Amino acid sequence: TMKVKRMCSMLKSLGLKSILYANEGPMSDCDRMEAILTNEERQKLFGNDSQWKNGGFFNNEETTAVFDERVIEAISRNKSEKGIHFLLAMWGVGHQTISS
């Protein structure tokens, strides 16, 4: 999470526009946030917050499918905006479906 926040700040300091595709919550230093899951949906799909605070990881096909589908829809809506677009998949291979 901190890496994403730092990246948004760095892009902004360079005069670049950034759109953060993330779960509902506080917005980092990006120009716009596309909320992919509400807090309620996140709790239902990902489970208990303490799991994440202790370095937990999820591997749930339903969760991944819902998140990926919504991100792909949001990116498709935003692709028509003018400018150069870079997709920074901060989760690496876990975001392969989205980046494809």
Protein backbone atom coordinates (compact mmCIF):
# COMPACT_ATOMS: atom_id res chain seq x y z
CA THR A 1 0.00 0.00 0.00
CA MET A 2 2.77 2.44 0.85
CA LYS A 3 4.50 1.71 -2.46
CA VAL A 4 1.36 2.65 -4.35
CA LYS A 5 0.93 5.85 -2.34
CA ARG A 6 4.56 6.80 -2.96
CA MET A 7 4.21 6.06 -6.67
CA CYS A 8 1.14 8.31 -6.95
CA SER A 9 3.02 11.11 -5.18
CA MET A 10 6.05 10.68 -7.44
CA LEU A 11 3.91 10.76 -10.59
CA LYS A 12 2.12 13.89 -9.39
CA SER A 13 5.42 15.63 -8.60
CA LEU A 14 6.48 14.96 -12.20
CA GLY A 15 3.26 16.53 -13.49
CA LEU A 16 1.77 13.20 -14.56
CA LYS A 17 -1.87 12.32 -14.02
CA SER A 18 -2.61 9.11 -12.14
CA ILE A 19 -5.73 7.06 -11.62
CA LEU A 20 -5.73 4.62 -8.72
CA TYR A 21 -7.82 1.48 -9.16
CA ALA A 22 -8.27 0.25 -5.60
CA ASN A 23 -10.75 -0.76 -2.95
CA GLU A 24 -12.86 1.94 -1.29
CA GLY A 25 -10.92 3.85 1.29
CA PRO A 26 -8.70 6.88 1.75
CA MET A 27 -7.41 8.29 -1.52
CA SER A 28 -3.69 8.66 -1.91
CA ASP A 29 -2.00 11.51 -3.74
CA CYS A 30 -3.48 10.52 -7.10
CA ASP A 31 -5.66 12.62 -9.38
CA ARG A 32 -8.61 10.25 -9.27
CA MET A 33 -9.57 7.01 -7.61
CA GLU A 34 -11.74 4.31 -9.13
CA ALA A 35 -13.22 2.42 -6.17
CA ILE A 36 -13.35 -1.21 -7.30
CA LEU A 37 -14.86 -2.81 -4.18
CA THR A 38 -16.82 -1.19 -1.36
CA ASN A 39 -15.61 -1.81 2.18
CA GLU A 40 -18.52 -4.21 2.67
CA GLU A 41 -17.66 -6.18 -0.47
CA ARG A 42 -13.99 -6.25 0.52
CA GLN A 43 -14.82 -7.70 3.94
CA LYS A 44 -17.08 -10.34 2.38
CA LEU A 45 -14.60 -11.39 -0.31
CA PHE A 46 -11.25 -10.95 1.45
CA GLY A 47 -12.25 -11.74 5.00
CA ASN A 48 -10.91 -10.47 8.29
CA ASP A 49 -8.67 -7.38 8.28
CA SER A 50 -6.32 -8.91 10.86
CA GLN A 51 -5.26 -11.45 8.23
CA TRP A 52 -3.84 -8.59 6.14
CA LYS A 53 -2.20 -6.78 9.02
CA ASN A 54 -0.27 -9.96 9.80
CA GLY A 55 1.07 -10.30 6.25
CA GLY A 56 -1.76 -12.50 4.98
CA PHE A 57 -2.40 -13.20 1.33
CA PHE A 58 -5.48 -14.30 -0.53
CA ASN A 59 -5.84 -16.83 -3.26
CA ASN A 60 -9.53 -16.95 -3.96
CA GLU A 61 -10.72 -17.32 -7.55
CA GLU A 62 -14.08 -15.62 -6.91
CA THR A 63 -12.41 -12.62 -5.29
CA THR A 64 -9.82 -12.32 -8.03
CA ALA A 65 -12.43 -12.64 -10.79
CA VAL A 66 -14.70 -9.93 -9.31
CA PHE A 67 -11.82 -7.52 -8.70
CA ASP A 68 -10.19 -8.13 -12.11
CA GLU A 69 -13.46 -7.76 -14.01
CA ARG A 70 -14.23 -4.43 -12.37
CA VAL A 71 -10.74 -3.06 -12.90
CA ILE A 72 -10.83 -4.05 -16.58
CA GLU A 73 -14.19 -2.26 -16.98
CA ALA A 74 -12.84 0.88 -15.28
CA ILE A 75 -9.67 0.90 -17.39
CA SER A 76 -11.75 0.52 -20.54
CA ARG A 77 -13.80 3.58 -19.56
CA ASN A 78 -10.65 5.63 -18.92
CA LYS A 79 -8.66 4.57 -22.00
CA SER A 80 -10.48 7.09 -24.17
CA GLU A 81 -8.97 10.00 -22.23
CA LYS A 82 -6.23 11.91 -24.05
CA GLY A 83 -2.62 11.37 -23.11
CA ILE A 84 -0.12 8.60 -22.73
CA HIS A 85 -1.26 5.71 -20.58
CA PHE A 86 0.92 3.42 -18.49
CA LEU A 87 -0.53 0.59 -16.45
CA LEU A 88 1.53 -0.07 -13.35
CA ALA A 89 0.50 -3.47 -12.04
CA MET A 90 1.91 -3.30 -8.53
CA TRP A 91 0.92 -6.88 -7.76
CA GLY A 92 2.98 -8.38 -10.57
CA VAL A 93 1.78 -11.68 -11.97
CA GLY A 94 -1.35 -11.44 -9.82
CA HIS A 95 -2.50 -8.66 -12.15
CA GLN A 96 -1.69 -10.52 -15.35
CA THR A 97 -5.37 -10.85 -16.32
CA ILE A 98 -5.85 -7.10 -15.95
CA SER A 99 -2.74 -6.15 -17.89
CA SER A 100 -3.48 -8.54 -20.73
